[in-house]
C-alpha atoms as a PDB file:
ATOM      1  CA  MET A   1    -170.252 107.414 126.835  1.00  0.00           C
ATOM      2  CA  THR A   2    -171.053 105.483 124.056  1.00  0.00           C
ATOM      3  CA  ILE A   3    -169.218 105.398 120.796  1.00  0.00           C
ATOM      4  CA  ASP A   4    -172.367 106.892 118.916  1.00  0.00           C
ATOM      5  CA  GLN A   5    -172.273 109.488 121.777  1.00  0.00           C
ATOM      6  CA  LEU A   6    -168.774 110.002 121.476  1.00  0.00           C
ATOM      7  CA  ILE A   7    -168.990 110.433 117.375  1.00  0.00           C
ATOM      8  CA  LYS A   8    -172.412 112.980 117.828  1.00  0.00           C
ATOM      9  CA  THR A   9    -170.249 114.955 119.882  1.00  0.00           C
ATOM     10  CA  ALA A  10    -167.045 115.143 117.833  1.00  0.00           C
ATOM     11  CA  LEU A  11    -169.405 116.033 114.362  1.00  0.00           C
ATOM     12  CA  GLN A  12    -170.821 118.493 116.658  1.00  0.00           C
ATOM     13  CA  GLU A  13    -167.496 119.822 117.292  1.00  0.00           C
ATOM     14  CA  ASP A  14    -165.866 120.092 114.158  1.00  0.00           C
ATOM     15  CA  ILE A  15    -169.163 121.011 112.062  1.00  0.00           C
ATOM     16  CA  GLY A  16    -171.140 123.528 114.047  1.00  0.00           C
ATOM     17  CA  ASP A  17    -173.208 125.493 112.221  1.00  0.00           C
ATOM     18  CA  GLY A  18    -171.689 124.331 108.995  1.00  0.00           C
ATOM     19  CA  ASP A  19    -169.214 123.198 106.626  1.00  0.00           C
ATOM     20  CA  HIS A  20    -169.150 125.857 104.664  1.00  0.00           C
ATOM     21  CA  SER A  21    -165.760 124.945 102.922  1.00  0.00           C
ATOM     22  CA  SER A  22    -167.875 122.246 101.423  1.00  0.00           C
ATOM     23  CA  LEU A  23    -170.946 124.376 100.853  1.00  0.00           C
ATOM     24  CA  SER A  24    -168.858 126.956  99.367  1.00  0.00           C
ATOM     25  CA  CYS A  25    -167.898 125.376  96.164  1.00  0.00           C
ATOM     26  CA  ILE A  26    -169.819 122.219  95.887  1.00  0.00           C
ATOM     27  CA  PRO A  27    -173.536 121.548  94.563  1.00  0.00           C
ATOM     28  CA  LYS A  28    -175.514 120.065  96.976  1.00  0.00           C
ATOM     29  CA  ASP A  29    -176.553 117.222  94.418  1.00  0.00           C
ATOM     30  CA  ALA A  30    -172.867 116.381  93.885  1.00  0.00           C
ATOM     31  CA  VAL A  31    -171.971 112.810  94.443  1.00  0.00           C
ATOM     32  CA  GLY A  32    -168.171 111.318  94.894  1.00  0.00           C
ATOM     33  CA  ARG A  33    -166.114 108.549  95.926  1.00  0.00           C
ATOM     34  CA  ALA A  34    -163.020 107.884  98.357  1.00  0.00           C
ATOM     35  CA  LYS A  35    -160.761 105.716  99.480  1.00  0.00           C
ATOM     36  CA  LEU A  36    -159.104 105.153 102.738  1.00  0.00           C
ATOM     37  CA  LEU A  37    -155.277 105.019 101.907  1.00  0.00           C
ATOM     38  CA  VAL A  38    -152.676 103.572 104.183  1.00  0.00           C
ATOM     39  CA  LYS A  39    -149.853 105.161 103.852  1.00  0.00           C
ATOM     40  CA  GLU A  40    -147.176 103.971 107.151  1.00  0.00           C
ATOM     41  CA  PRO A  41    -146.828 100.161 108.565  1.00  0.00           C
ATOM     42  CA  GLY A  42    -148.941  99.213 111.239  1.00  0.00           C
ATOM     43  CA  ILE A  43    -151.828  97.037 112.482  1.00  0.00           C
ATOM     44  CA  LEU A  44    -155.035  98.949 111.265  1.00  0.00           C
ATOM     45  CA  ALA A  45    -157.402  99.421 113.702  1.00  0.00           C
ATOM     46  CA  GLY A  46    -160.714 101.822 113.293  1.00  0.00           C
ATOM     47  CA  VAL A  47    -162.576 100.928 110.801  1.00  0.00           C
ATOM     48  CA  ASN A  48    -165.614 100.375 112.074  1.00  0.00           C
ATOM     49  CA  ILE A  49    -165.827 103.304 114.000  1.00  0.00           C
ATOM     50  CA  ALA A  50    -164.740 105.280 110.222  1.00  0.00           C
ATOM     51  CA  LYS A  51    -167.865 103.167 108.968  1.00  0.00           C
ATOM     52  CA  GLN A  52    -169.698 104.531 112.378  1.00  0.00           C
ATOM     53  CA  VAL A  53    -168.839 108.151 111.451  1.00  0.00           C
ATOM     54  CA  PHE A  54    -169.919 108.398 107.833  1.00  0.00           C
ATOM     55  CA  LYS A  55    -173.497 106.283 108.956  1.00  0.00           C
ATOM     56  CA  GLN A  56    -174.159 109.052 111.339  1.00  0.00           C
ATOM     57  CA  VAL A  57    -173.012 112.035 109.010  1.00  0.00           C
ATOM     58  CA  ASP A  58    -175.209 110.745 106.173  1.00  0.00           C
ATOM     59  CA  PRO A  59    -177.731 107.029 106.406  1.00  0.00           C
ATOM     60  CA  LEU A  60    -177.664 107.394 102.411  1.00  0.00           C
ATOM     61  CA  LEU A  61    -173.700 106.901 101.599  1.00  0.00           C
ATOM     62  CA  THR A  62    -172.269 103.716 101.175  1.00  0.00           C
ATOM     63  CA  PHE A  63    -169.466 102.308 102.400  1.00  0.00           C
ATOM     64  CA  GLU A  64    -167.393  99.130 101.008  1.00  0.00           C
ATOM     65  CA  GLN A  65    -164.861  97.293 103.579  1.00  0.00           C
ATOM     66  CA  ILE A  66    -161.722  96.148 101.796  1.00  0.00           C
ATOM     67  CA  LEU A  67    -160.080  95.653 105.484  1.00  0.00           C
ATOM     68  CA  ASN A  68    -160.514  94.581 108.609  1.00  0.00           C
ATOM     69  CA  ASP A  69    -159.591  95.816 112.197  1.00  0.00           C
ATOM     70  CA  GLY A  70    -156.525  93.895 113.269  1.00  0.00           C
ATOM     71  CA  ASP A  71    -155.127  93.227 109.893  1.00  0.00           C
ATOM     72  CA  VAL A  72    -151.552  94.109 109.140  1.00  0.00           C
ATOM     73  CA  ILE A  73    -151.008  97.007 106.396  1.00  0.00           C
ATOM     74  CA  LYS A  74    -148.322  98.054 104.727  1.00  0.00           C
ATOM     75  CA  PRO A  75    -148.222 101.463 102.074  1.00  0.00           C
ATOM     76  CA  GLY A  76    -150.469 101.424  98.746  1.00  0.00           C
ATOM     77  CA  ASP A  77    -153.356  99.551 100.734  1.00  0.00           C
ATOM     78  CA  ILE A  78    -156.841 100.529 100.565  1.00  0.00           C
ATOM     79  CA  ALA A  79    -159.051 100.422 103.680  1.00  0.00           C
ATOM     80  CA  PHE A  80    -162.150 100.996 102.267  1.00  0.00           C
ATOM     81  CA  TYR A  81    -164.081 103.205  99.878  1.00  0.00           C
ATOM     82  CA  VAL A  82    -167.311 106.041 100.763  1.00  0.00           C
ATOM     83  CA  GLU A  83    -169.375 106.688  97.852  1.00  0.00           C
ATOM     84  CA  GLY A  84    -172.669 109.012  97.803  1.00  0.00           C
ATOM     85  CA  SER A  85    -172.600 112.986  98.738  1.00  0.00           C
ATOM     86  CA  SER A  86    -169.774 114.679  98.062  1.00  0.00           C
ATOM     87  CA  GLN A  87    -170.758 116.729 101.031  1.00  0.00           C
ATOM     88  CA  SER A  88    -171.622 114.313 103.220  1.00  0.00           C
ATOM     89  CA  ILE A  89    -167.738 112.963 102.805  1.00  0.00           C
ATOM     90  CA  LEU A  90    -166.368 115.724 103.533  1.00  0.00           C
ATOM     91  CA  LYS A  91    -168.067 116.150 106.542  1.00  0.00           C
ATOM     92  CA  GLY A  92    -167.267 112.719 107.727  1.00  0.00           C
ATOM     93  CA  GLU A  93    -163.415 113.124 106.727  1.00  0.00           C
ATOM     94  CA  ARG A  94    -161.240 114.513 108.952  1.00  0.00           C
ATOM     95  CA  LEU A  95    -163.163 112.491 111.692  1.00  0.00           C
ATOM     96  CA  ALA A  96    -162.914 109.046 110.306  1.00  0.00           C
ATOM     97  CA  LEU A  97    -159.026 110.124 109.682  1.00  0.00           C
ATOM     98  CA  ASN A  98    -158.724 111.122 113.430  1.00  0.00           C
ATOM     99  CA  PHE A  99    -160.128 108.026 115.289  1.00  0.00           C
ATOM    100  CA  MET A 100    -158.300 105.801 112.491  1.00  0.00           C
ATOM    101  CA  GLN A 101    -154.937 107.072 112.592  1.00  0.00           C
ATOM    102  CA  ARG A 102    -155.073 107.153 116.173  1.00  0.00           C
ATOM    103  CA  MET A 103    -156.538 103.877 116.975  1.00  0.00           C
ATOM    104  CA  SER A 104    -154.222 102.407 114.108  1.00  0.00           C
ATOM    105  CA  GLY A 105    -151.486 103.626 116.331  1.00  0.00           C
ATOM    106  CA  ILE A 106    -152.228 102.284 119.795  1.00  0.00           C
ATOM    107  CA  ALA A 107    -152.909  99.133 118.000  1.00  0.00           C
ATOM    108  CA  THR A 108    -148.933  98.812 115.768  1.00  0.00           C
ATOM    109  CA  HIS A 109    -147.492  99.691 119.043  1.00  0.00           C
ATOM    110  CA  THR A 110    -149.170  97.220 120.958  1.00  0.00           C
ATOM    111  CA  ASN A 111    -148.760  94.592 118.918  1.00  0.00           C
ATOM    112  CA  GLU A 112    -144.999  95.583 118.364  1.00  0.00           C
ATOM    113  CA  LEU A 113    -144.953  94.926 122.162  1.00  0.00           C
ATOM    114  CA  VAL A 114    -147.171  91.805 122.718  1.00  0.00           C
ATOM    115  CA  LYS A 115    -144.746  90.391 119.859  1.00  0.00           C
ATOM    116  CA  LEU A 116    -141.881  90.742 122.429  1.00  0.00           C
ATOM    117  CA  VAL A 117    -143.524  88.722 125.085  1.00  0.00           C
ATOM    118  CA  GLY A 118    -145.856  86.249 122.968  1.00  0.00           C
ATOM    119  CA  ASP A 119    -143.978  83.027 123.767  1.00  0.00           C
ATOM    120  CA  LEU A 120    -144.387  84.150 127.488  1.00  0.00           C
ATOM    121  CA  PRO A 121    -147.482  83.150 130.182  1.00  0.00           C
ATOM    122  CA  CYS A 122    -147.746  87.355 130.974  1.00  0.00           C
ATOM    123  CA  LYS A 123    -150.159  89.319 129.668  1.00  0.00           C
ATOM    124  CA  LEU A 124    -149.564  93.061 128.507  1.00  0.00           C
ATOM    125  CA  LEU A 125    -152.466  94.977 129.629  1.00  0.00           C
ATOM    126  CA  ASP A 126    -153.301  98.906 129.678  1.00  0.00           C
ATOM    127  CA  THR A 127    -154.293 101.657 131.750  1.00  0.00           C
ATOM    128  CA  ARG A 128    -156.404 104.087 132.865  1.00  0.00           C
ATOM    129  CA  LYS A 129    -153.780 106.962 131.108  1.00  0.00           C
ATOM    130  CA  THR A 130    -156.014 107.369 128.224  1.00  0.00           C
ATOM    131  CA  THR A 131    -157.238 110.753 126.514  1.00  0.00           C
ATOM    132  CA  PRO A 132    -160.597 111.814 128.340  1.00  0.00           C
ATOM    133  CA  GLY A 133    -163.565 110.886 126.336  1.00  0.00           C
ATOM    134  CA  LEU A 134    -161.814 108.708 124.078  1.00  0.00           C
ATOM    135  CA  ARG A 135    -161.173 105.590 126.913  1.00  0.00           C
ATOM    136  CA  GLU A 136    -163.469 103.484 125.184  1.00  0.00           C
ATOM    137  CA  ILE A 137    -161.643 103.321 121.147  1.00  0.00           C
ATOM    138  CA  GLU A 138    -158.265 103.245 122.502  1.00  0.00           C
ATOM    139  CA  LYS A 139    -158.870 100.676 125.134  1.00  0.00           C
ATOM    140  CA  LEU A 140    -160.443  99.082 121.921  1.00  0.00           C
ATOM    141  CA  ALA A 141    -157.519  99.735 120.144  1.00  0.00           C
ATOM    142  CA  VAL A 142    -155.579  97.557 122.786  1.00  0.00           C
ATOM    143  CA  LYS A 143    -157.222  94.733 122.048  1.00  0.00           C
ATOM    144  CA  ILE A 144    -157.187  94.786 118.331  1.00  0.00           C
ATOM    145  CA  GLY A 145    -153.397  95.289 118.433  1.00  0.00           C
ATOM    146  CA  GLY A 146    -153.215  91.651 120.744  1.00  0.00           C
ATOM    147  CA  GLY A 147    -152.846  93.568 124.293  1.00  0.00           C
ATOM    148  CA  SER A 148    -155.245  93.235 126.900  1.00  0.00           C
ATOM    149  CA  ASN A 149    -157.409  95.175 128.803  1.00  0.00           C
ATOM    150  CA  HIS A 150    -157.061  96.265 132.598  1.00  0.00           C
ATOM    151  CA  ARG A 151    -160.423  97.941 134.340  1.00  0.00           C
ATOM    152  CA  PHE A 152    -161.481 100.539 132.592  1.00  0.00           C
ATOM    153  CA  GLY A 153    -162.468 102.191 135.135  1.00  0.00           C
ATOM    154  CA  LEU A 154    -162.977 103.377 138.545  1.00  0.00           C
ATOM    155  CA  TYR A 155    -166.370 101.700 139.165  1.00  0.00           C
ATOM    156  CA  ASP A 156    -165.597  97.872 137.781  1.00  0.00           C
ATOM    157  CA  MET A 157    -162.579  96.743 139.773  1.00  0.00           C
ATOM    158  CA  ILE A 158    -161.017  97.888 143.462  1.00  0.00           C
ATOM    159  CA  MET A 159    -157.683  98.753 142.832  1.00  0.00           C
ATOM    160  CA  LEU A 160    -156.003 100.040 146.562  1.00  0.00           C
ATOM    161  CA  LYS A 161    -152.669 102.052 145.039  1.00  0.00           C
ATOM    162  CA  ASP A 162    -150.239 104.054 147.552  1.00  0.00           C
ATOM    163  CA  ASN A 163    -152.196 106.854 148.381  1.00  0.00           C
ATOM    164  CA  HIS A 164    -155.482 104.590 149.089  1.00  0.00           C
ATOM    165  CA  ILE A 165    -153.123 103.026 151.832  1.00  0.00           C
ATOM    166  CA  ASP A 166    -151.486 105.815 153.107  1.00  0.00           C
ATOM    167  CA  TYR A 167    -155.183 107.867 153.720  1.00  0.00           C
ATOM    168  CA  ALA A 168    -156.347 104.266 154.932  1.00  0.00           C
ATOM    169  CA  GLY A 169    -153.950 104.489 157.338  1.00  0.00           C
ATOM    170  CA  GLY A 170    -151.720 101.170 156.218  1.00  0.00           C
ATOM    171  CA  ILE A 171    -152.406  97.936 154.250  1.00  0.00           C
ATOM    172  CA  SER A 172    -154.235  95.928 156.441  1.00  0.00           C
ATOM    173  CA  GLN A 173    -156.539  98.902 157.606  1.00  0.00           C
ATOM    174  CA  ALA A 174    -157.033  99.882 153.676  1.00  0.00           C
ATOM    175  CA  ILE A 175    -157.797  96.141 153.083  1.00  0.00           C
ATOM    176  CA  ASN A 176    -159.697  95.071 155.677  1.00  0.00           C
ATOM    177  CA  LYS A 177    -161.961  98.453 155.119  1.00  0.00           C
ATOM    178  CA  THR A 178    -162.297  97.470 151.368  1.00  0.00           C
ATOM    179  CA  LYS A 179    -163.626  93.898 152.131  1.00  0.00           C
ATOM    180  CA  GLU A 180    -166.373  95.536 155.066  1.00  0.00           C
ATOM    181  CA  TYR A 181    -167.496  97.949 151.843  1.00  0.00           C
ATOM    182  CA  LEU A 182    -168.208  95.626 149.505  1.00  0.00           C
ATOM    183  CA  ALA A 183    -170.194  92.811 152.009  1.00  0.00           C
ATOM    184  CA  GLU A 184    -171.710  96.064 153.195  1.00  0.00           C
ATOM    185  CA  ASN A 185    -173.017  96.998 149.356  1.00  0.00           C
ATOM    186  CA  ASN A 186    -173.654  93.693 147.939  1.00  0.00           C
ATOM    187  CA  LYS A 187    -170.507  94.874 145.613  1.00  0.00           C
ATOM    188  CA  LYS A 188    -168.403  91.576 143.797  1.00  0.00           C
ATOM    189  CA  LEU A 189    -165.077  93.438 142.779  1.00  0.00           C
ATOM    190  CA  LYS A 190    -161.935  92.218 142.232  1.00  0.00           C
ATOM    191  CA  ILE A 191    -159.404  93.696 144.683  1.00  0.00           C
ATOM    192  CA  GLU A 192    -155.748  94.479 143.748  1.00  0.00           C
ATOM    193  CA  VAL A 193    -153.508  96.139 146.006  1.00  0.00           C
ATOM    194  CA  GLU A 194    -150.127  98.066 145.114  1.00  0.00           C
ATOM    195  CA  ALA A 195    -146.880  97.071 146.768  1.00  0.00           C
ATOM    196  CA  ARG A 196    -144.077  99.210 147.000  1.00  0.00           C
ATOM    197  CA  ASP A 197    -141.092  96.740 148.091  1.00  0.00           C
ATOM    198  CA  LEU A 198    -140.838  93.157 149.785  1.00  0.00           C
ATOM    199  CA  ASP A 199    -141.874  94.184 153.011  1.00  0.00           C
ATOM    200  CA  GLU A 200    -145.159  95.672 152.007  1.00  0.00           C
ATOM    201  CA  VAL A 201    -146.128  92.035 149.887  1.00  0.00           C
ATOM    202  CA  LYS A 202    -145.430  90.119 152.869  1.00  0.00           C
ATOM    203  CA  GLN A 203    -147.964  92.653 154.784  1.00  0.00           C
ATOM    204  CA  ILE A 204    -150.617  91.929 151.822  1.00  0.00           C
ATOM    205  CA  LEU A 205    -150.352  88.372 152.070  1.00  0.00           C
ATOM    206  CA  GLN A 206    -150.705  88.413 155.418  1.00  0.00           C
ATOM    207  CA  VAL A 207    -153.685  89.917 155.437  1.00  0.00           C
ATOM    208  CA  GLY A 208    -154.584  87.947 152.622  1.00  0.00           C
ATOM    209  CA  GLY A 209    -158.424  87.656 150.286  1.00  0.00           C
ATOM    210  CA  VAL A 210    -157.077  89.730 147.670  1.00  0.00           C
ATOM    211  CA  ASP A 211    -157.060  88.813 143.605  1.00  0.00           C
ATOM    212  CA  ARG A 212    -153.928  90.542 142.515  1.00  0.00           C
ATOM    213  CA  ILE A 213    -150.652  92.264 143.978  1.00  0.00           C
ATOM    214  CA  MET A 214    -149.518  94.799 141.725  1.00  0.00           C
ATOM    215  CA  LEU A 215    -146.033  95.119 142.020  1.00  0.00           C
ATOM    216  CA  ASP A 216    -144.649  98.867 141.307  1.00  0.00           C
ATOM    217  CA  ASN A 217    -141.021 100.087 140.573  1.00  0.00           C
ATOM    218  CA  PHE A 218    -139.527  96.777 141.672  1.00  0.00           C
ATOM    219  CA  ASN A 219    -136.079  95.741 140.180  1.00  0.00           C
ATOM    220  CA  TYR A 220    -135.598  92.210 138.627  1.00  0.00           C
ATOM    221  CA  THR A 221    -134.075  90.458 141.581  1.00  0.00           C
ATOM    222  CA  ASP A 222    -137.399  92.073 144.004  1.00  0.00           C
ATOM    223  CA  LEU A 223    -139.764  91.381 141.527  1.00  0.00           C
ATOM    224  CA  LYS A 224    -138.891  87.277 141.164  1.00  0.00           C
ATOM    225  CA  LYS A 225    -138.555  87.397 145.069  1.00  0.00           C
ATOM    226  CA  ALA A 226    -141.891  88.667 144.863  1.00  0.00           C
ATOM    227  CA  VAL A 227    -143.462  86.388 142.611  1.00  0.00           C
ATOM    228  CA  GLU A 228    -141.886  83.391 144.852  1.00  0.00           C
ATOM    229  CA  LEU A 229    -143.705  84.688 147.856  1.00  0.00           C
ATOM    230  CA  ILE A 230    -146.723  85.358 146.477  1.00  0.00           C
ATOM    231  CA  GLY A 231    -147.017  82.096 144.561  1.00  0.00           C
ATOM    232  CA  VAL A 232    -150.806  80.810 143.099  1.00  0.00           C
ATOM    233  CA  SER A 233    -152.490  82.971 146.302  1.00  0.00           C
ATOM    234  CA  SER A 234    -152.404  86.321 144.066  1.00  0.00           C
ATOM    235  CA  GLU A 235    -152.362  86.672 140.460  1.00  0.00           C
ATOM    236  CA  THR A 236    -149.567  89.367 140.171  1.00  0.00           C
ATOM    237  CA  GLU A 237    -148.689  92.917 137.748  1.00  0.00           C
ATOM    238  CA  ALA A 238    -145.452  94.665 137.087  1.00  0.00           C
ATOM    239  CA  SER A 239    -146.071  98.169 137.002  1.00  0.00           C
ATOM    240  CA  GLY A 240    -143.915 101.523 136.784  1.00  0.00           C
ATOM    241  CA  GLY A 241    -141.584 102.393 134.150  1.00  0.00           C
ATOM    242  CA  ILE A 242    -141.845  99.190 131.983  1.00  0.00           C
ATOM    243  CA  THR A 243    -140.192 100.134 128.549  1.00  0.00           C
ATOM    244  CA  ARG A 244    -139.876  98.215 125.344  1.00  0.00           C
ATOM    245  CA  ASP A 245    -136.070  97.379 126.084  1.00  0.00           C
ATOM    246  CA  THR A 246    -136.962  96.040 129.543  1.00  0.00           C
ATOM    247  CA  LEU A 247    -140.484  94.065 128.785  1.00  0.00           C
ATOM    248  CA  ARG A 248    -139.248  91.057 128.471  1.00  0.00           C
ATOM    249  CA  ASN A 249    -136.592  90.948 131.272  1.00  0.00           C
ATOM    250  CA  TYR A 250    -139.809  91.868 133.400  1.00  0.00           C
ATOM    251  CA  ALA A 251    -142.022  89.129 132.069  1.00  0.00           C
ATOM    252  CA  GLU A 252    -139.131  86.464 132.742  1.00  0.00           C
ATOM    253  CA  CYS A 253    -139.705  87.457 136.067  1.00  0.00           C
ATOM    254  CA  GLY A 254    -142.435  85.225 136.162  1.00  0.00           C
ATOM    255  CA  VAL A 255    -145.345  88.211 136.622  1.00  0.00           C
ATOM    256  CA  ASN A 256    -149.029  87.152 135.112  1.00  0.00           C
ATOM    257  CA  PHE A 257    -149.493  90.647 133.976  1.00  0.00           C
ATOM    258  CA  ILE A 258    -147.413  93.605 132.686  1.00  0.00           C
ATOM    259  CA  SER A 259    -149.130  97.133 132.710  1.00  0.00           C
ATOM    260  CA  VAL A 260    -147.647  99.824 130.686  1.00  0.00           C
ATOM    261  CA  GLY A 261    -149.169 103.230 130.038  1.00  0.00           C
ATOM    262  CA  ALA A 262    -147.320 104.070 127.423  1.00  0.00           C
ATOM    263  CA  LEU A 263    -149.544 102.088 125.168  1.00  0.00           C
ATOM    264  CA  THR A 264    -152.066 104.633 125.167  1.00  0.00           C
ATOM    265  CA  HIS A 265    -151.225 107.904 126.078  1.00  0.00           C
ATOM    266  CA  GLN A 266    -147.500 107.804 124.135  1.00  0.00           C
ATOM    267  CA  ILE A 267    -148.211 106.807 120.709  1.00  0.00           C
ATOM    268  CA  ASN A 268    -147.394 108.198 117.261  1.00  0.00           C
ATOM    269  CA  SER A 269    -150.790 107.738 115.416  1.00  0.00           C
ATOM    270  CA  LEU A 270    -150.891 106.091 111.566  1.00  0.00           C
ATOM    271  CA  ASP A 271    -150.470 107.979 108.370  1.00  0.00           C
ATOM    272  CA  LEU A 272    -153.614 107.151 106.674  1.00  0.00           C
ATOM    273  CA  SER A 273    -155.402 109.506 104.215  1.00  0.00           C
ATOM    274  CA  LEU A 274    -158.491 109.448 102.454  1.00  0.00           C
ATOM    275  CA  LYS A 275    -158.410 110.345  98.966  1.00  0.00           C
ATOM    276  CA  ALA A 276    -161.146 111.297  96.102  1.00  0.00           C
ATOM    277  CA  VAL A 277    -161.291 108.724  93.084  1.00  0.00           C
END
């Protein structure tokens, strides 16, 4: 689903057969002006999405952008002004805020974690633990916050996790069948394989030919050993229950990537408000 389609669907969900609150008490020809007021410190995200929301609601609305996605914000800052039909502004108000508040919350949380490992050669990744239908904007918010995107969906990267391996009959079977599948279908996708312990790391290395090894729920000692075993033969990724308190320690083990599902599924929306002026 494209962002335009997402906005269209969300507007239909919200407006239904009409914004009767506005239609009942505001003249059709009334014009107004409103500002996006920041009420909480953080990283701003979703300004461009809000602009698209108001454009879809009413192409005649004017949008004066003051701040940009990725800007550091504080209470009292004004992100943009929107001006035109009062009814149109009110139609787009809630949707623009919903997108911006959630995206800014994700960007803010991501930025806080990125700063914890910013001096280390380790990238912070999101996951597919996103709100159904909102993956594109949530992953965009991660990037705005300074993080990096993992695969977008099931189609743009091979990831052989524990269940794939168990269903396939083992690590060697899963990897070899995957290579055959890619060759037969003329697909060039990167292969990532999950390891649950050091023995599985050794099995993956014995088969070879994978782009990245995910080290899932490893302790620090075993993670360091795994990184040493893998060397430069594959990229390394730590995953599984990594928190703000443990992130730095995992990064110091030498992995190339750390994936944190909480970037998108355990965040607090940032407090923003649209006020008439």
